[in-house]
Amino acid sequence: MANLIIKFDYTRLRNEAHVELNETFSTLVEKYHPSTLGILPLFQVYQPLLADEVSVLDVIRKSELTAEIIEQDHLRDGVFRGFVDAEKSALHHFNPAKREAARKLEVIFEHYGNIAAKTLDQETAAIDDLLRELLTDEHATCLALLGLEDWANQLNTENQKFKDLMMARYDEAAQRPTIRMKAARTAVDKAFRTILDQVEALVLVNGIQTYESFIRELNVVMERYKHILAQEKGRRTKVENEEITI
């Protein structure tokens, strides 16, 4: 019994870890040769199923980075930089009142830093926060005095366009590969489980000699991903407990 394969609920692994586990398993089978292990027909069914899951994961990874989304991000970056340049130029205005207004706005811009260098989601949130702060009564007066309302309005427009594109990607494009991923994973899990059952059955029939090294290495892999799953479960439990506490 000590030589039998370690089992855990690998169906609960995240997509990336699920693919990694199965790719590692596939490599291990090839190392020991599926024909030698007596699982060649099953492995030939398993391999294209795994290839399909890998291709779906690639689609999911790329789904947020379409050319249209990247182009819109560049547009809002350009507006943000123009806005900053317009504000900075007012720091040298001949009118003292306008210089003072620009100085007040400069404090806010310095606080947020180079928003355009942030990740996509971070930039979206930072622009929202920046505009919310700029449109408070005192700062809105400064914007009006410097004639910068149009910059603020345009930045808000470009940021909203970006959010709309991302939402469309989530609602339309991203959901389809996610649904397909569920089907792909289910097929891989079934084929994977069938192979494991076959190996254990062959051990009982033929003895452990042919399979001992393979199972030993496989159990190291299974133990590693079992631990990864336990860590993920622990993190989820912690988050859930914090939410209940809040």
C-alpha atoms as a PDB file:
ATOM      1  CA  MET A   1       0.000   0.000   0.000  1.00  0.00           C
ATOM      2  CA  ALA A   2       2.921   2.352   0.702  1.00  0.00           C
ATOM      3  CA  ASN A   3       3.832   2.314  -2.969  1.00  0.00           C
ATOM      4  CA  LEU A   4       0.384   3.268  -4.242  1.00  0.00           C
ATOM      5  CA  ILE A   5      -0.246   6.706  -5.681  1.00  0.00           C
ATOM      6  CA  ILE A   6      -1.020   9.644  -3.393  1.00  0.00           C
ATOM      7  CA  LYS A   7      -4.522  10.976  -4.030  1.00  0.00           C
ATOM      8  CA  PHE A   8      -5.991  14.416  -3.391  1.00  0.00           C
ATOM      9  CA  ASP A   9      -8.710  16.563  -4.920  1.00  0.00           C
ATOM     10  CA  TYR A  10      -6.610  17.957  -7.789  1.00  0.00           C
ATOM     11  CA  THR A  11      -9.830  19.143  -9.474  1.00  0.00           C
ATOM     12  CA  ARG A  12      -9.788  22.091  -7.050  1.00  0.00           C
ATOM     13  CA  LEU A  13      -6.401  23.408  -8.178  1.00  0.00           C
ATOM     14  CA  ARG A  14      -6.308  26.784  -9.899  1.00  0.00           C
ATOM     15  CA  ASN A  15      -6.051  26.665 -13.684  1.00  0.00           C
ATOM     16  CA  GLU A  16      -2.305  27.337 -13.804  1.00  0.00           C
ATOM     17  CA  ALA A  17      -1.468  24.762 -11.137  1.00  0.00           C
ATOM     18  CA  HIS A  18      -3.831  22.235 -12.719  1.00  0.00           C
ATOM     19  CA  VAL A  19      -2.047  22.549 -16.066  1.00  0.00           C
ATOM     20  CA  GLU A  20       1.379  22.415 -14.419  1.00  0.00           C
ATOM     21  CA  LEU A  21       0.480  19.219 -12.543  1.00  0.00           C
ATOM     22  CA  ASN A  22      -0.718  17.508 -15.697  1.00  0.00           C
ATOM     23  CA  GLU A  23       2.221  18.691 -17.811  1.00  0.00           C
ATOM     24  CA  THR A  24       4.615  17.375 -15.158  1.00  0.00           C
ATOM     25  CA  PHE A  25       2.739  14.076 -15.102  1.00  0.00           C
ATOM     26  CA  SER A  26       2.866  13.860 -18.893  1.00  0.00           C
ATOM     27  CA  THR A  27       6.614  14.433 -18.884  1.00  0.00           C
ATOM     28  CA  LEU A  28       7.061  11.780 -16.203  1.00  0.00           C
ATOM     29  CA  VAL A  29       5.053   9.215 -18.184  1.00  0.00           C
ATOM     30  CA  GLU A  30       7.162   9.896 -21.257  1.00  0.00           C
ATOM     31  CA  LYS A  31      10.317   9.471 -19.179  1.00  0.00           C
ATOM     32  CA  TYR A  32       9.246   5.973 -18.159  1.00  0.00           C
ATOM     33  CA  HIS A  33       7.568   5.271 -21.543  1.00  0.00           C
ATOM     34  CA  PRO A  34       3.795   4.755 -21.629  1.00  0.00           C
ATOM     35  CA  SER A  35       4.162   1.424 -23.448  1.00  0.00           C
ATOM     36  CA  THR A  36       6.462   0.112 -20.708  1.00  0.00           C
ATOM     37  CA  LEU A  37       3.968   1.248 -18.090  1.00  0.00           C
ATOM     38  CA  GLY A  38       1.160  -0.473 -19.977  1.00  0.00           C
ATOM     39  CA  ILE A  39      -0.880   2.737 -20.409  1.00  0.00           C
ATOM     40  CA  LEU A  40      -0.123   3.719 -24.009  1.00  0.00           C
ATOM     41  CA  PRO A  41      -3.749   3.706 -25.316  1.00  0.00           C
ATOM     42  CA  LEU A  42      -4.959   5.701 -22.314  1.00  0.00           C
ATOM     43  CA  PHE A  43      -2.030   8.126 -22.602  1.00  0.00           C
ATOM     44  CA  GLN A  44      -2.787   8.677 -26.286  1.00  0.00           C
ATOM     45  CA  VAL A  45      -6.319   9.728 -25.304  1.00  0.00           C
ATOM     46  CA  TYR A  46      -5.000  11.929 -22.481  1.00  0.00           C
ATOM     47  CA  GLN A  47      -2.399  13.928 -24.429  1.00  0.00           C
ATOM     48  CA  PRO A  48      -4.706  15.797 -26.858  1.00  0.00           C
ATOM     49  CA  LEU A  49      -7.083  16.571 -23.989  1.00  0.00           C
ATOM     50  CA  LEU A  50      -4.215  18.138 -22.071  1.00  0.00           C
ATOM     51  CA  ALA A  51      -3.121  20.067 -25.171  1.00  0.00           C
ATOM     52  CA  ASP A  52      -6.636  21.483 -25.438  1.00  0.00           C
ATOM     53  CA  GLU A  53      -6.585  22.619 -21.800  1.00  0.00           C
ATOM     54  CA  VAL A  54      -3.225  24.319 -22.331  1.00  0.00           C
ATOM     55  CA  SER A  55      -4.549  26.173 -25.390  1.00  0.00           C
ATOM     56  CA  VAL A  56      -7.626  27.373 -23.464  1.00  0.00           C
ATOM     57  CA  LEU A  57      -5.427  28.629 -20.626  1.00  0.00           C
ATOM     58  CA  ASP A  58      -3.392  30.619 -23.163  1.00  0.00           C
ATOM     59  CA  VAL A  59      -6.616  32.242 -24.409  1.00  0.00           C
ATOM     60  CA  ILE A  60      -7.640  33.167 -20.858  1.00  0.00           C
ATOM     61  CA  ARG A  61      -4.214  34.649 -20.131  1.00  0.00           C
ATOM     62  CA  LYS A  62      -4.344  36.814 -23.250  1.00  0.00           C
ATOM     63  CA  SER A  63      -8.026  37.739 -23.116  1.00  0.00           C
ATOM     64  CA  GLU A  64      -7.452  41.026 -21.271  1.00  0.00           C
ATOM     65  CA  LEU A  65      -4.680  42.214 -23.566  1.00  0.00           C
ATOM     66  CA  THR A  66      -6.371  42.696 -26.896  1.00  0.00           C
ATOM     67  CA  ALA A  67      -5.041  45.290 -29.308  1.00  0.00           C
ATOM     68  CA  GLU A  68      -8.107  47.474 -28.728  1.00  0.00           C
ATOM     69  CA  ILE A  69      -7.595  47.529 -24.974  1.00  0.00           C
ATOM     70  CA  ILE A  70      -3.893  48.306 -25.338  1.00  0.00           C
ATOM     71  CA  GLU A  71      -4.644  51.138 -27.768  1.00  0.00           C
ATOM     72  CA  GLN A  72      -7.199  52.641 -25.385  1.00  0.00           C
ATOM     73  CA  ASP A  73      -4.677  52.424 -22.560  1.00  0.00           C
ATOM     74  CA  HIS A  74      -2.199  54.368 -24.690  1.00  0.00           C
ATOM     75  CA  LEU A  75      -4.843  57.015 -25.380  1.00  0.00           C
ATOM     76  CA  ARG A  76      -5.623  57.611 -21.708  1.00  0.00           C
ATOM     77  CA  ASP A  77      -1.870  57.638 -20.923  1.00  0.00           C
ATOM     78  CA  GLY A  78      -1.424  60.407 -23.466  1.00  0.00           C
ATOM     79  CA  VAL A  79      -4.260  62.457 -21.981  1.00  0.00           C
ATOM     80  CA  PHE A  80      -2.901  61.964 -18.472  1.00  0.00           C
ATOM     81  CA  ARG A  81       0.576  63.141 -19.486  1.00  0.00           C
ATOM     82  CA  GLY A  82      -0.873  66.140 -21.319  1.00  0.00           C
ATOM     83  CA  PHE A  83      -2.915  67.012 -18.237  1.00  0.00           C
ATOM     84  CA  VAL A  84       0.202  66.857 -16.039  1.00  0.00           C
ATOM     85  CA  ASP A  85       2.207  68.992 -18.484  1.00  0.00           C
ATOM     86  CA  ALA A  86      -0.559  71.622 -18.622  1.00  0.00           C
ATOM     87  CA  GLU A  87      -0.685  71.780 -14.820  1.00  0.00           C
ATOM     88  CA  LYS A  88       3.098  72.059 -14.497  1.00  0.00           C
ATOM     89  CA  SER A  89       3.297  74.876 -17.033  1.00  0.00           C
ATOM     90  CA  ALA A  90       0.868  76.878 -14.900  1.00  0.00           C
ATOM     91  CA  LEU A  91       3.394  76.785 -12.036  1.00  0.00           C
ATOM     92  CA  HIS A  92       5.291  79.466 -13.978  1.00  0.00           C
ATOM     93  CA  HIS A  93       2.261  81.589 -14.875  1.00  0.00           C
ATOM     94  CA  PHE A  94       2.730  85.350 -14.606  1.00  0.00           C
ATOM     95  CA  ASN A  95      -0.532  85.580 -12.627  1.00  0.00           C
ATOM     96  CA  PRO A  96       0.174  84.877  -8.912  1.00  0.00           C
ATOM     97  CA  ALA A  97      -3.338  83.515  -8.338  1.00  0.00           C
ATOM     98  CA  LYS A  98      -2.894  80.993 -11.129  1.00  0.00           C
ATOM     99  CA  ARG A  99       0.543  80.018  -9.853  1.00  0.00           C
ATOM    100  CA  GLU A 100      -0.995  79.357  -6.442  1.00  0.00           C
ATOM    101  CA  ALA A 101      -3.807  77.308  -7.981  1.00  0.00           C
ATOM    102  CA  ALA A 102      -1.256  75.239  -9.899  1.00  0.00           C
ATOM    103  CA  ARG A 103       0.763  74.736  -6.727  1.00  0.00           C
ATOM    104  CA  LYS A 104      -2.289  73.276  -4.952  1.00  0.00           C
ATOM    105  CA  LEU A 105      -2.938  70.909  -7.834  1.00  0.00           C
ATOM    106  CA  GLU A 106       0.725  69.944  -7.974  1.00  0.00           C
ATOM    107  CA  VAL A 107       0.475  68.493  -4.469  1.00  0.00           C
ATOM    108  CA  ILE A 108      -2.232  66.111  -5.669  1.00  0.00           C
ATOM    109  CA  PHE A 109      -0.420  65.089  -8.856  1.00  0.00           C
ATOM    110  CA  GLU A 110       2.780  64.409  -6.920  1.00  0.00           C
ATOM    111  CA  HIS A 111       0.836  62.218  -4.502  1.00  0.00           C
ATOM    112  CA  TYR A 112      -0.421  59.964  -7.317  1.00  0.00           C
ATOM    113  CA  GLY A 113       2.864  59.940  -9.209  1.00  0.00           C
ATOM    114  CA  ASN A 114       3.226  58.478 -12.692  1.00  0.00           C
ATOM    115  CA  ILE A 115      -0.158  56.802 -12.985  1.00  0.00           C
ATOM    116  CA  ALA A 116       0.576  55.763 -16.571  1.00  0.00           C
ATOM    117  CA  ALA A 117       3.316  53.406 -15.338  1.00  0.00           C
ATOM    118  CA  LYS A 118       0.923  51.360 -13.179  1.00  0.00           C
ATOM    119  CA  THR A 119      -0.720  48.073 -14.166  1.00  0.00           C
ATOM    120  CA  LEU A 120      -3.968  48.342 -16.115  1.00  0.00           C
ATOM    121  CA  ASP A 121      -6.305  47.824 -13.172  1.00  0.00           C
ATOM    122  CA  GLN A 122      -4.190  49.953 -10.837  1.00  0.00           C
ATOM    123  CA  GLU A 123      -4.149  52.797 -13.357  1.00  0.00           C
ATOM    124  CA  THR A 124      -7.918  52.676 -13.777  1.00  0.00           C
ATOM    125  CA  ALA A 125      -8.481  52.930 -10.031  1.00  0.00           C
ATOM    126  CA  ALA A 126      -5.814  55.622  -9.604  1.00  0.00           C
ATOM    127  CA  ILE A 127      -7.361  57.820 -12.309  1.00  0.00           C
ATOM    128  CA  ASP A 128     -10.761  57.510 -10.661  1.00  0.00           C
ATOM    129  CA  ASP A 129      -9.256  58.516  -7.304  1.00  0.00           C
ATOM    130  CA  LEU A 130      -7.279  61.376  -8.835  1.00  0.00           C
ATOM    131  CA  LEU A 131     -10.312  62.836 -10.595  1.00  0.00           C
ATOM    132  CA  ARG A 132     -12.474  62.424  -7.508  1.00  0.00           C
ATOM    133  CA  GLU A 133      -9.967  64.448  -5.510  1.00  0.00           C
ATOM    134  CA  LEU A 134      -9.497  67.075  -8.216  1.00  0.00           C
ATOM    135  CA  LEU A 135     -13.233  67.659  -8.435  1.00  0.00           C
ATOM    136  CA  THR A 136     -13.686  68.584  -4.786  1.00  0.00           C
ATOM    137  CA  ASP A 137     -14.830  72.204  -4.364  1.00  0.00           C
ATOM    138  CA  GLU A 138     -11.448  73.818  -3.673  1.00  0.00           C
ATOM    139  CA  HIS A 139      -9.557  71.926  -6.344  1.00  0.00           C
ATOM    140  CA  ALA A 140     -12.354  72.246  -8.889  1.00  0.00           C
ATOM    141  CA  THR A 141     -12.030  76.024  -8.471  1.00  0.00           C
ATOM    142  CA  CYS A 142      -8.320  75.725  -9.214  1.00  0.00           C
ATOM    143  CA  LEU A 143      -9.043  73.677 -12.340  1.00  0.00           C
ATOM    144  CA  ALA A 144     -11.538  76.281 -13.520  1.00  0.00           C
ATOM    145  CA  LEU A 145      -9.125  79.156 -12.865  1.00  0.00           C
ATOM    146  CA  LEU A 146      -6.442  77.437 -14.933  1.00  0.00           C
ATOM    147  CA  GLY A 147      -8.844  76.312 -17.657  1.00  0.00           C
ATOM    148  CA  LEU A 148      -7.987  72.634 -17.054  1.00  0.00           C
ATOM    149  CA  GLU A 149     -11.534  71.269 -16.734  1.00  0.00           C
ATOM    150  CA  ASP A 150     -11.391  69.948 -20.301  1.00  0.00           C
ATOM    151  CA  TRP A 151      -8.302  67.905 -19.465  1.00  0.00           C
ATOM    152  CA  ALA A 152     -10.048  66.392 -16.438  1.00  0.00           C
ATOM    153  CA  ASN A 153     -13.179  65.655 -18.443  1.00  0.00           C
ATOM    154  CA  GLN A 154     -11.210  64.070 -21.280  1.00  0.00           C
ATOM    155  CA  LEU A 155      -9.201  61.913 -18.887  1.00  0.00           C
ATOM    156  CA  ASN A 156     -12.439  60.721 -17.318  1.00  0.00           C
ATOM    157  CA  THR A 157     -13.861  59.949 -20.777  1.00  0.00           C
ATOM    158  CA  GLU A 158     -10.822  57.921 -21.858  1.00  0.00           C
ATOM    159  CA  ASN A 159     -10.716  56.063 -18.557  1.00  0.00           C
ATOM    160  CA  GLN A 160     -14.396  55.183 -18.836  1.00  0.00           C
ATOM    161  CA  LYS A 161     -13.874  53.931 -22.391  1.00  0.00           C
ATOM    162  CA  PHE A 162     -11.105  51.701 -21.073  1.00  0.00           C
ATOM    163  CA  LYS A 163     -13.360  50.350 -18.319  1.00  0.00           C
ATOM    164  CA  ASP A 164     -16.112  49.666 -20.850  1.00  0.00           C
ATOM    165  CA  LEU A 165     -13.706  47.689 -23.027  1.00  0.00           C
ATOM    166  CA  MET A 166     -12.511  45.648 -20.077  1.00  0.00           C
ATOM    167  CA  MET A 167     -16.074  44.927 -19.002  1.00  0.00           C
ATOM    168  CA  ALA A 168     -16.959  43.825 -22.527  1.00  0.00           C
ATOM    169  CA  ARG A 169     -13.926  41.532 -22.477  1.00  0.00           C
ATOM    170  CA  TYR A 170     -15.000  40.043 -19.166  1.00  0.00           C
ATOM    171  CA  ASP A 171     -18.643  39.667 -20.177  1.00  0.00           C
ATOM    172  CA  GLU A 172     -18.233  38.401 -23.725  1.00  0.00           C
ATOM    173  CA  ALA A 173     -14.768  37.113 -24.558  1.00  0.00           C
ATOM    174  CA  ALA A 174     -13.409  35.982 -21.207  1.00  0.00           C
ATOM    175  CA  GLN A 175     -16.469  34.013 -20.197  1.00  0.00           C
ATOM    176  CA  ARG A 176     -16.392  31.777 -23.270  1.00  0.00           C
ATOM    177  CA  PRO A 177     -12.885  30.405 -22.675  1.00  0.00           C
ATOM    178  CA  THR A 178     -13.705  30.123 -18.962  1.00  0.00           C
ATOM    179  CA  ILE A 179     -16.698  27.926 -19.791  1.00  0.00           C
ATOM    180  CA  ARG A 180     -14.573  25.971 -22.249  1.00  0.00           C
ATOM    181  CA  MET A 181     -11.872  25.587 -19.596  1.00  0.00           C
ATOM    182  CA  LYS A 182     -14.336  23.872 -17.274  1.00  0.00           C
ATOM    183  CA  ALA A 183     -15.130  21.293 -19.956  1.00  0.00           C
ATOM    184  CA  ALA A 184     -11.445  20.857 -20.848  1.00  0.00           C
ATOM    185  CA  ARG A 185     -10.449  20.330 -17.218  1.00  0.00           C
ATOM    186  CA  THR A 186     -13.238  17.823 -16.665  1.00  0.00           C
ATOM    187  CA  ALA A 187     -12.051  15.775 -19.652  1.00  0.00           C
ATOM    188  CA  VAL A 188      -8.420  15.893 -18.510  1.00  0.00           C
ATOM    189  CA  ASP A 189      -9.352  14.940 -14.946  1.00  0.00           C
ATOM    190  CA  LYS A 190     -11.297  11.919 -16.150  1.00  0.00           C
ATOM    191  CA  ALA A 191      -8.430  10.728 -18.370  1.00  0.00           C
ATOM    192  CA  PHE A 192      -5.858  11.424 -15.642  1.00  0.00           C
ATOM    193  CA  ARG A 193      -7.845   9.488 -13.053  1.00  0.00           C
ATOM    194  CA  THR A 194      -8.302   6.573 -15.454  1.00  0.00           C
ATOM    195  CA  ILE A 195      -4.542   6.355 -16.000  1.00  0.00           C
ATOM    196  CA  LEU A 196      -3.827   6.429 -12.258  1.00  0.00           C
ATOM    197  CA  ASP A 197      -6.388   3.689 -11.654  1.00  0.00           C
ATOM    198  CA  GLN A 198      -4.880   1.627 -14.472  1.00  0.00           C
ATOM    199  CA  VAL A 199      -1.364   1.938 -13.040  1.00  0.00           C
ATOM    200  CA  GLU A 200      -2.543   0.815  -9.603  1.00  0.00           C
ATOM    201  CA  ALA A 201      -4.433  -2.109 -11.140  1.00  0.00           C
ATOM    202  CA  LEU A 202      -1.337  -3.171 -13.092  1.00  0.00           C
ATOM    203  CA  VAL A 203       0.740  -3.037  -9.917  1.00  0.00           C
ATOM    204  CA  LEU A 204      -1.655  -5.492  -8.297  1.00  0.00           C
ATOM    205  CA  VAL A 205      -1.518  -7.794 -11.325  1.00  0.00           C
ATOM    206  CA  ASN A 206       2.160  -7.534 -12.320  1.00  0.00           C
ATOM    207  CA  GLY A 207       3.880  -6.508  -9.120  1.00  0.00           C
ATOM    208  CA  ILE A 208       5.589  -3.264  -8.172  1.00  0.00           C
ATOM    209  CA  GLN A 209       8.971  -3.727  -9.905  1.00  0.00           C
ATOM    210  CA  THR A 210       8.122  -2.046 -13.208  1.00  0.00           C
ATOM    211  CA  TYR A 211       6.302   0.835 -11.555  1.00  0.00           C
ATOM    212  CA  GLU A 212       8.169   1.504  -8.330  1.00  0.00           C
ATOM    213  CA  SER A 213      10.428   4.322  -9.550  1.00  0.00           C
ATOM    214  CA  PHE A 214       7.627   5.896 -11.573  1.00  0.00           C
ATOM    215  CA  ILE A 215       5.231   5.892  -8.627  1.00  0.00           C
ATOM    216  CA  ARG A 216       7.908   7.228  -6.275  1.00  0.00           C
ATOM    217  CA  GLU A 217       8.540  10.220  -8.537  1.00  0.00           C
ATOM    218  CA  LEU A 218       4.842  10.699  -9.196  1.00  0.00           C
ATOM    219  CA  ASN A 219       4.104  10.769  -5.469  1.00  0.00           C
ATOM    220  CA  VAL A 220       6.659  13.553  -5.004  1.00  0.00           C
ATOM    221  CA  VAL A 221       4.776  15.553  -7.651  1.00  0.00           C
ATOM    222  CA  MET A 222       1.382  14.737  -6.150  1.00  0.00           C
ATOM    223  CA  GLU A 223       2.575  15.689  -2.671  1.00  0.00           C
ATOM    224  CA  ARG A 224       3.838  19.035  -3.952  1.00  0.00           C
ATOM    225  CA  TYR A 225       0.537  19.957  -5.585  1.00  0.00           C
ATOM    226  CA  LYS A 226      -1.415  18.608  -2.637  1.00  0.00           C
ATOM    227  CA  HIS A 227       0.542  21.102  -0.532  1.00  0.00           C
ATOM    228  CA  ILE A 228      -0.150  23.909  -3.029  1.00  0.00           C
ATOM    229  CA  LEU A 229      -3.875  23.150  -2.811  1.00  0.00           C
ATOM    230  CA  ALA A 230      -3.734  23.204   0.994  1.00  0.00           C
ATOM    231  CA  GLN A 231      -2.010  26.603   0.895  1.00  0.00           C
ATOM    232  CA  GLU A 232      -4.653  27.994  -1.458  1.00  0.00           C
ATOM    233  CA  LYS A 233      -7.414  26.652   0.788  1.00  0.00           C
ATOM    234  CA  GLY A 234      -5.736  28.277   3.791  1.00  0.00           C
ATOM    235  CA  ARG A 235      -5.557  31.636   2.039  1.00  0.00           C
ATOM    236  CA  ARG A 236      -9.219  31.421   1.007  1.00  0.00           C
ATOM    237  CA  THR A 237     -10.240  30.560   4.570  1.00  0.00           C
ATOM    238  CA  LYS A 238      -8.250  33.498   5.925  1.00  0.00           C
ATOM    239  CA  VAL A 239      -9.914  35.901   3.502  1.00  0.00           C
ATOM    240  CA  GLU A 240     -13.356  34.527   4.307  1.00  0.00           C
ATOM    241  CA  ASN A 241     -12.713  34.876   8.043  1.00  0.00           C
ATOM    242  CA  GLU A 242     -11.506  38.449   7.608  1.00  0.00           C
ATOM    243  CA  GLU A 243     -14.642  39.271   5.615  1.00  0.00           C
ATOM    244  CA  ILE A 244     -16.826  37.812   8.374  1.00  0.00           C
ATOM    245  CA  THR A 245     -14.912  39.797  11.001  1.00  0.00           C
ATOM    246  CA  ILE A 246     -15.366  43.002   9.023  1.00  0.00           C
END
